[in-house]
N, C-alpha and C. Protein backbone atom coordinates (compact mmCIF):
# COMPACT_ATOMS: atom_id res chain seq x y z
N MET A 1 14.32 -17.09 -2.15
CA MET A 1 15.67 -16.07 -1.70
C MET A 1 15.92 -15.22 0.30
N GLU A 2 17.43 -15.90 0.55
CA GLU A 2 17.60 -15.15 1.29
C GLU A 2 18.04 -13.65 0.99
N ASN A 3 17.61 -12.98 2.40
CA ASN A 3 17.98 -11.70 2.39
C ASN A 3 17.53 -10.91 0.99
N LYS A 4 16.94 -11.19 0.76
CA LYS A 4 16.38 -10.45 -0.47
C LYS A 4 15.54 -9.29 -0.19
N THR A 5 15.89 -8.02 -1.04
CA THR A 5 15.35 -6.89 -0.74
C THR A 5 14.62 -6.40 -2.31
N LEU A 6 13.93 -5.57 -1.36
CA LEU A 6 12.76 -5.69 -2.57
C LEU A 6 11.97 -3.59 -2.34
N LEU A 7 11.61 -3.49 -3.17
CA LEU A 7 10.80 -2.03 -3.39
C LEU A 7 9.51 -1.92 -3.84
N LEU A 8 8.63 -1.65 -2.76
CA LEU A 8 7.50 -1.54 -2.99
C LEU A 8 6.81 -0.11 -2.54
N PHE A 9 5.75 -0.10 -3.99
CA PHE A 9 5.27 1.07 -4.32
C PHE A 9 3.16 1.04 -3.81
N THR A 10 3.19 1.63 -3.02
CA THR A 10 1.35 1.28 -2.76
C THR A 10 0.61 2.59 -2.73
N ASP A 11 -0.23 2.15 -3.22
CA ASP A 11 -2.05 3.54 -3.55
C ASP A 11 -2.81 3.13 -3.01
N GLY A 12 -3.66 3.73 -2.33
CA GLY A 12 -4.82 3.71 -2.22
C GLY A 12 -5.48 4.55 -2.97
N ALA A 13 -6.90 4.42 -3.80
CA ALA A 13 -7.85 5.67 -4.24
C ALA A 13 -9.33 5.62 -3.81
N CYS A 14 -10.40 6.22 -4.34
CA CYS A 14 -11.13 6.84 -3.71
C CYS A 14 -12.32 7.33 -4.49
N ARG A 15 -13.57 6.57 -4.72
CA ARG A 15 -14.15 7.77 -5.45
C ARG A 15 -14.84 8.61 -4.42
N GLY A 16 -14.77 9.62 -4.00
CA GLY A 16 -15.43 9.95 -2.87
C GLY A 16 -14.25 9.83 -1.91
N ASN A 17 -14.92 10.33 -0.83
CA ASN A 17 -14.13 10.02 0.57
C ASN A 17 -15.33 10.54 1.81
N PRO A 18 -16.03 9.69 2.33
CA PRO A 18 -15.62 8.22 1.74
C PRO A 18 -16.54 7.60 0.48
N GLY A 19 -16.17 6.83 -0.21
CA GLY A 19 -16.46 6.01 -1.36
C GLY A 19 -15.89 5.27 -1.26
N PHE A 20 -16.18 4.26 -2.64
CA PHE A 20 -15.51 3.27 -2.76
C PHE A 20 -14.11 3.15 -2.91
N GLY A 21 -13.78 2.49 -2.52
CA GLY A 21 -12.02 2.39 -2.63
C GLY A 21 -11.34 1.41 -3.47
N GLY A 22 -10.14 1.23 -3.65
CA GLY A 22 -9.29 0.26 -4.31
C GLY A 22 -7.51 0.29 -3.83
N ALA A 23 -7.41 -0.46 -3.93
CA ALA A 23 -5.58 -0.71 -2.94
C ALA A 23 -4.66 -1.34 -4.76
N GLY A 24 -3.44 -0.79 -4.71
CA GLY A 24 -2.32 -1.17 -5.63
C GLY A 24 -1.46 -0.89 -5.21
N ALA A 25 -0.35 -1.79 -5.20
CA ALA A 25 0.88 -2.28 -5.10
C ALA A 25 1.98 -3.30 -5.53
N VAL A 26 2.79 -2.59 -6.26
CA VAL A 26 4.06 -3.19 -7.07
C VAL A 26 5.43 -3.42 -6.61
N LEU A 27 5.59 -4.19 -6.26
CA LEU A 27 6.68 -4.95 -5.66
C LEU A 27 8.48 -4.80 -7.20
N LEU A 28 9.40 -4.07 -7.27
CA LEU A 28 10.20 -4.51 -7.91
C LEU A 28 11.26 -4.56 -6.97
N SER A 29 12.26 -5.26 -7.77
CA SER A 29 13.83 -5.84 -7.04
C SER A 29 14.69 -4.26 -7.03
N VAL A 30 15.48 -4.27 -6.22
CA VAL A 30 16.44 -2.84 -6.48
C VAL A 30 17.37 -2.23 -7.68
N ASP A 31 17.14 -3.33 -8.73
CA ASP A 31 18.03 -2.44 -9.81
C ASP A 31 16.35 -2.17 -10.78
N GLY A 32 15.17 -2.76 -10.45
CA GLY A 32 14.02 -1.48 -10.95
C GLY A 32 13.18 -2.98 -11.31
N ARG A 33 13.75 -4.05 -11.79
CA ARG A 33 12.66 -5.13 -12.04
C ARG A 33 11.39 -5.51 -11.57
N GLU A 34 10.05 -5.61 -12.25
CA GLU A 34 8.92 -5.82 -11.62
C GLU A 34 9.13 -7.37 -11.23
N ILE A 35 9.10 -7.30 -9.92
CA ILE A 35 8.55 -8.90 -9.36
C ILE A 35 7.26 -9.40 -8.94
N ALA A 36 6.53 -8.41 -8.87
CA ALA A 36 4.87 -8.95 -8.54
C ALA A 36 4.44 -7.49 -8.51
N ARG A 37 2.34 -7.71 -8.73
CA ARG A 37 1.37 -6.83 -8.39
C ARG A 37 0.52 -7.03 -8.05
N ALA A 38 -0.43 -6.02 -7.42
CA ALA A 38 -1.65 -6.83 -6.88
C ALA A 38 -2.24 -5.51 -6.55
N LYS A 39 -4.03 -5.77 -6.96
CA LYS A 39 -4.89 -5.01 -6.82
C LYS A 39 -6.37 -5.53 -6.31
N LYS A 40 -6.41 -4.51 -5.47
CA LYS A 40 -8.23 -5.09 -4.77
C LYS A 40 -9.20 -3.74 -4.87
N PHE A 41 -10.85 -4.55 -5.08
CA PHE A 41 -11.40 -3.34 -4.82
C PHE A 41 -11.41 -3.90 -3.92
N LEU A 42 -11.85 -2.73 -2.54
CA LEU A 42 -12.12 -2.34 -1.12
C LEU A 42 -13.66 -1.97 -0.84
N GLY A 43 -14.36 -1.76 -1.72
CA GLY A 43 -15.63 -1.58 -1.31
C GLY A 43 -15.92 0.03 -1.09
N HIS A 44 -16.48 0.35 0.61
CA HIS A 44 -16.82 1.64 0.95
C HIS A 44 -15.79 1.89 1.62
N CYS A 45 -14.64 3.15 1.39
CA CYS A 45 -14.21 3.01 2.62
C CYS A 45 -13.57 4.58 2.71
N THR A 46 -12.43 5.20 3.18
CA THR A 46 -12.07 6.19 3.09
C THR A 46 -10.51 6.22 2.65
N ASN A 47 -10.29 7.31 2.18
CA ASN A 47 -9.04 7.26 1.43
C ASN A 47 -8.14 6.99 2.29
N ASN A 48 -7.78 7.42 3.41
CA ASN A 48 -6.87 7.02 4.08
C ASN A 48 -7.25 5.38 4.44
N ILE A 49 -8.14 4.35 4.71
CA ILE A 49 -8.42 3.33 5.01
C ILE A 49 -7.78 2.46 3.69
N ALA A 50 -7.78 3.31 2.55
CA ALA A 50 -7.80 2.92 0.84
C ALA A 50 -6.16 2.78 0.82
N GLU A 51 -5.17 3.97 1.73
CA GLU A 51 -4.25 3.81 1.57
C GLU A 51 -3.31 2.26 2.82
N TYR A 52 -4.03 2.90 3.65
CA TYR A 52 -3.30 1.60 4.82
C TYR A 52 -3.79 -0.25 3.95
N ARG A 53 -5.00 0.16 3.09
CA ARG A 53 -4.87 -1.05 2.42
C ARG A 53 -4.10 -1.73 1.73
N ALA A 54 -3.60 -0.61 0.63
CA ALA A 54 -2.79 -0.77 -0.11
C ALA A 54 -1.58 -1.40 0.35
N LEU A 55 -1.21 -0.91 1.88
CA LEU A 55 0.18 -1.37 1.97
C LEU A 55 0.01 -2.28 2.73
N LEU A 56 -0.87 -2.92 3.62
CA LEU A 56 -0.76 -4.42 3.82
C LEU A 56 -1.45 -5.42 2.49
N LEU A 57 -1.62 -5.09 1.40
CA LEU A 57 -1.57 -5.61 0.60
C LEU A 57 -0.19 -6.38 -0.19
N GLY A 58 0.91 -5.13 -0.18
CA GLY A 58 2.21 -4.79 -0.55
C GLY A 58 3.10 -5.62 0.24
N LEU A 59 2.82 -5.48 1.31
CA LEU A 59 3.22 -5.82 2.86
C LEU A 59 3.23 -7.51 2.55
N GLU A 60 2.06 -7.81 2.38
CA GLU A 60 2.03 -9.66 2.37
C GLU A 60 2.52 -9.94 1.08
N GLU A 61 2.62 -9.48 -0.06
CA GLU A 61 2.83 -9.78 -1.02
C GLU A 61 4.47 -9.72 -1.45
N ALA A 62 5.01 -9.13 -0.51
CA ALA A 62 6.54 -9.51 -0.06
C ALA A 62 6.70 -9.87 0.72
N LEU A 63 5.82 -10.84 1.64
CA LEU A 63 6.64 -11.71 2.71
C LEU A 63 6.20 -13.12 1.88
N LYS A 64 5.03 -12.97 0.87
CA LYS A 64 5.01 -14.18 -0.19
C LYS A 64 6.35 -14.33 -0.70
N GLN A 65 6.83 -13.22 -1.01
CA GLN A 65 8.19 -13.56 -2.42
C GLN A 65 9.20 -13.24 -1.38
N GLY A 66 9.42 -13.93 -0.21
CA GLY A 66 10.57 -14.13 0.31
C GLY A 66 11.34 -13.04 1.03
N CYS A 67 10.80 -11.79 0.77
CA CYS A 67 11.64 -10.23 1.41
C CYS A 67 12.17 -10.19 2.62
N ARG A 68 12.92 -10.22 2.58
CA ARG A 68 13.44 -9.81 3.85
C ARG A 68 13.97 -8.23 4.54
N SER A 69 13.87 -7.54 3.32
CA SER A 69 14.41 -5.75 3.59
C SER A 69 13.28 -5.34 3.07
N ILE A 70 12.71 -4.25 3.16
CA ILE A 70 11.46 -3.87 2.07
C ILE A 70 11.94 -2.44 2.50
N SER A 71 12.12 -1.85 1.29
CA SER A 71 11.94 -0.05 1.48
C SER A 71 10.59 0.38 0.93
N VAL A 72 9.35 1.05 1.51
CA VAL A 72 8.16 1.20 1.10
C VAL A 72 8.48 2.37 0.82
N PHE A 73 8.04 2.81 -0.19
CA PHE A 73 7.51 4.31 -1.34
C PHE A 73 5.95 4.61 -1.34
N MET A 74 5.51 5.22 -0.86
CA MET A 74 4.10 5.90 -0.54
C MET A 74 3.95 7.33 -0.90
N ASP A 75 3.05 7.93 -1.18
CA ASP A 75 2.46 9.33 -1.60
C ASP A 75 1.49 10.28 -1.01
N SER A 76 1.02 9.14 0.18
CA SER A 76 0.29 9.46 1.48
C SER A 76 1.45 10.12 2.58
N GLU A 77 2.01 10.93 2.62
CA GLU A 77 2.44 11.72 3.70
C GLU A 77 2.03 11.46 4.78
N LEU A 78 0.88 11.33 5.22
CA LEU A 78 0.61 10.94 6.46
C LEU A 78 0.05 10.22 6.91
N LEU A 79 0.49 8.91 5.98
CA LEU A 79 0.79 7.33 6.79
C LEU A 79 2.48 6.97 6.60
N VAL A 80 2.94 7.81 5.97
CA VAL A 80 4.89 7.82 5.76
C VAL A 80 4.78 8.12 7.46
N ARG A 81 4.34 9.60 7.86
CA ARG A 81 4.95 10.30 8.97
C ARG A 81 4.15 9.18 9.91
N GLN A 82 2.80 8.32 9.73
CA GLN A 82 2.15 8.15 10.93
C GLN A 82 3.33 6.56 11.47
N LEU A 83 3.52 6.39 10.35
CA LEU A 83 4.64 5.13 9.89
C LEU A 83 6.06 5.15 10.60
N GLN A 84 6.51 6.11 10.29
CA GLN A 84 7.73 7.08 10.39
C GLN A 84 7.76 7.16 12.58
N GLY A 85 6.37 7.45 12.52
CA GLY A 85 6.58 8.11 14.57
C GLY A 85 5.95 9.16 14.57
N ILE A 86 5.58 9.83 13.41
CA ILE A 86 6.17 11.18 13.52
C ILE A 86 5.25 11.66 13.91
N TYR A 87 4.01 11.00 13.28
CA TYR A 87 2.13 11.59 13.37
C TYR A 87 1.80 10.33 14.55
N ARG A 88 1.04 10.25 15.66
CA ARG A 88 0.10 9.92 15.83
C ARG A 88 -0.87 8.78 14.95
N VAL A 89 -2.00 7.69 15.30
CA VAL A 89 -2.75 7.37 14.45
C VAL A 89 -4.13 7.92 15.76
N LYS A 90 -4.62 8.76 15.08
CA LYS A 90 -5.83 9.60 16.20
C LYS A 90 -7.15 8.95 15.57
N LYS A 91 -7.08 8.76 14.64
CA LYS A 91 -8.31 8.22 14.38
C LYS A 91 -8.99 6.62 14.51
N PRO A 92 -10.36 6.92 15.60
CA PRO A 92 -10.30 4.94 15.35
C PRO A 92 -10.33 4.02 14.78
N ASP A 93 -10.74 4.26 13.40
CA ASP A 93 -10.99 3.41 12.41
C ASP A 93 -9.10 3.29 11.84
N LEU A 94 -8.19 3.88 11.69
CA LEU A 94 -6.90 3.54 11.84
C LEU A 94 -5.81 3.12 12.18
N GLN A 95 -6.57 2.48 13.81
CA GLN A 95 -5.65 2.12 14.41
C GLN A 95 -5.34 0.54 14.60
N PRO A 96 -6.37 0.09 14.23
CA PRO A 96 -6.15 -1.47 13.76
C PRO A 96 -5.52 -1.89 12.57
N LEU A 97 -5.63 -1.05 11.10
CA LEU A 97 -4.82 -0.86 10.70
C LEU A 97 -3.48 -0.81 10.76
N MET A 98 -3.40 0.20 11.41
CA MET A 98 -1.68 0.59 11.86
C MET A 98 -0.68 -0.84 12.86
N ALA A 99 -2.18 -1.41 13.19
CA ALA A 99 -1.24 -1.92 13.99
C ALA A 99 -1.45 -3.29 13.46
N ASP A 100 -1.87 -4.21 12.09
CA ASP A 100 -1.89 -4.50 10.81
C ASP A 100 -0.33 -4.32 10.31
N ALA A 101 -0.31 -3.32 10.58
CA ALA A 101 0.78 -2.69 8.98
C ALA A 101 2.58 -3.12 10.36
N ARG A 102 2.06 -2.76 11.51
CA ARG A 102 3.32 -2.96 12.32
C ARG A 102 3.42 -4.50 12.45
N ALA A 103 2.46 -5.33 12.31
CA ALA A 103 2.56 -6.95 12.58
C ALA A 103 3.62 -7.33 11.56
N LEU A 104 2.85 -6.93 9.96
CA LEU A 104 3.54 -7.20 8.85
C LEU A 104 5.09 -6.92 8.99
N LEU A 105 5.19 -5.63 9.32
CA LEU A 105 6.37 -4.92 9.09
C LEU A 105 7.67 -5.66 10.41
N SER A 106 7.26 -6.00 11.27
CA SER A 106 8.33 -6.47 12.27
C SER A 106 9.04 -8.10 11.75
N ARG A 107 8.05 -8.59 10.72
CA ARG A 107 8.67 -9.66 9.90
C ARG A 107 9.51 -9.35 9.13
N PHE A 108 9.83 -8.91 8.74
CA PHE A 108 10.79 -8.00 7.87
C PHE A 108 12.29 -8.06 8.72
N ASP A 109 13.22 -8.63 8.38
CA ASP A 109 14.74 -8.17 9.41
C ASP A 109 15.17 -6.73 9.17
N THR A 110 14.85 -5.51 7.94
CA THR A 110 15.08 -4.76 7.95
C THR A 110 13.77 -3.90 7.34
N TRP A 111 13.10 -2.68 7.74
CA TRP A 111 11.99 -1.58 6.40
C TRP A 111 13.00 -0.02 6.65
N ARG A 112 12.12 0.21 5.64
CA ARG A 112 12.43 1.45 6.14
C ARG A 112 10.91 2.23 4.72
N VAL A 113 10.37 3.26 5.06
CA VAL A 113 9.14 4.26 4.51
C VAL A 113 9.55 5.34 3.62
N GLU A 114 9.03 5.80 2.52
CA GLU A 114 9.37 7.37 1.72
C GLU A 114 8.58 7.85 1.44
N HIS A 115 8.17 9.03 1.65
CA HIS A 115 7.31 9.45 0.98
C HIS A 115 7.70 10.10 -0.57
N VAL A 116 6.86 9.98 -1.74
CA VAL A 116 7.09 9.63 -3.25
C VAL A 116 6.22 10.81 -3.87
N ARG A 117 6.75 11.67 -4.45
CA ARG A 117 5.69 12.26 -5.25
C ARG A 117 4.58 11.45 -6.12
N ARG A 118 3.42 11.92 -6.64
CA ARG A 118 2.22 10.67 -6.65
C ARG A 118 2.96 10.73 -8.16
N SER A 119 3.67 11.44 -9.25
CA SER A 119 4.35 11.33 -10.54
C SER A 119 4.86 10.15 -10.62
N GLU A 120 5.44 10.15 -8.74
CA GLU A 120 6.85 8.57 -8.36
C GLU A 120 5.94 7.38 -8.47
N ASN A 121 4.91 8.02 -8.36
CA ASN A 121 3.89 6.19 -7.74
C ASN A 121 2.93 5.97 -8.67
N VAL A 122 3.43 5.93 -9.88
CA VAL A 122 2.10 5.97 -11.20
C VAL A 122 1.42 4.73 -11.87
N LEU A 123 2.69 3.75 -11.61
CA LEU A 123 1.79 2.10 -11.26
C LEU A 123 1.13 1.47 -10.55
N ALA A 124 1.46 2.18 -8.95
CA ALA A 124 0.26 1.56 -7.53
C ALA A 124 -0.54 2.63 -7.91
N ASP A 125 -0.82 3.69 -8.17
CA ASP A 125 -2.41 4.43 -8.86
C ASP A 125 -2.90 3.49 -9.64
N ARG A 126 -2.08 3.47 -10.47
CA ARG A 126 -3.65 2.96 -11.89
C ARG A 126 -3.57 1.57 -11.53
N LEU A 127 -2.74 0.42 -10.47
CA LEU A 127 -3.33 -0.63 -10.45
C LEU A 127 -4.72 -0.30 -8.97
N ALA A 128 -4.79 0.84 -8.56
CA ALA A 128 -5.34 0.81 -7.50
C ALA A 128 -6.65 1.22 -8.07
N ASN A 129 -6.24 2.13 -8.89
CA ASN A 129 -7.95 2.48 -9.76
C ASN A 129 -8.74 1.80 -10.93
N GLU A 130 -7.21 0.43 -11.45
CA GLU A 130 -8.41 -0.28 -12.02
C GLU A 130 -9.15 -1.14 -11.90
N ALA A 131 -8.40 -1.64 -10.11
CA ALA A 131 -9.49 -2.34 -8.94
C ALA A 131 -10.77 -1.76 -8.79
N LEU A 132 -10.49 -0.53 -8.94
CA LEU A 132 -12.12 0.59 -9.13
C LEU A 132 -12.91 0.23 -10.13
N ASP A 133 -12.14 0.64 -11.27
CA ASP A 133 -12.99 -0.35 -12.45
C ASP A 133 -13.52 -0.69 -13.27
N GLU A 134 -12.77 -1.56 -12.75
CA GLU A 134 -13.29 -3.71 -13.05
C GLU A 134 -14.43 -3.44 -12.31
N ALA A 135 -14.21 -3.62 -10.46
CA ALA A 135 -15.66 -3.78 -9.64
C ALA A 135 -16.19 -2.57 -10.27
N LEU A 136 -16.51 -1.28 -10.68
CA LEU A 136 -17.78 -0.55 -10.51
C LEU A 136 -18.57 -0.98 -12.06
N GLY A 137 -17.51 -1.60 -12.53
CA GLY A 137 -18.06 -1.97 -14.35
C GLY A 137 -18.89 -3.21 -14.22
N LYS A 138 -18.25 -3.71 -13.34
CA LYS A 138 -19.23 -4.93 -13.13
C LYS A 138 -20.50 -4.58 -12.34
N SER A 139 -20.66 -3.86 -11.68
CA SER A 139 -21.84 -3.64 -10.86
C SER A 139 -22.43 -2.40 -11.13
N GLY A 140 -22.18 -2.03 -12.18
CA GLY A 140 -22.58 -1.10 -12.84
C GLY A 140 -22.88 0.37 -12.47
N THR A 141 -22.10 0.50 -11.63
CA THR A 141 -22.14 2.08 -10.48
C THR A 141 -21.24 3.04 -10.94
């Protein structure tokens, strides 16, 4: 659909920091209907890397859905402030992830990012943890 606007909720989770990580993302229409969801086991990473990977997962899914305008909601204040340009990305391992995020965001006509409380990001958190549970259950870890 042309000019499709979606809401994206993303979350990364780690068991330990660093530790095994998972990413979760859910796309909603502006009226709250679920459009798509995604989750991914990330292997060993830090919590901030998991947060970035969740964002990238969600942005890629939004583009696949034909989204042209996106509102992103995350409970990672660090990532939100970095995306808003308030904080610099100082850690070398996060810089390429920020570059990837900016490249994906540039493909939207408009975008914005907002910090939400963890309690407002329950589904994305659940998806990230499901990805972890499924992967770790299979490996016996």
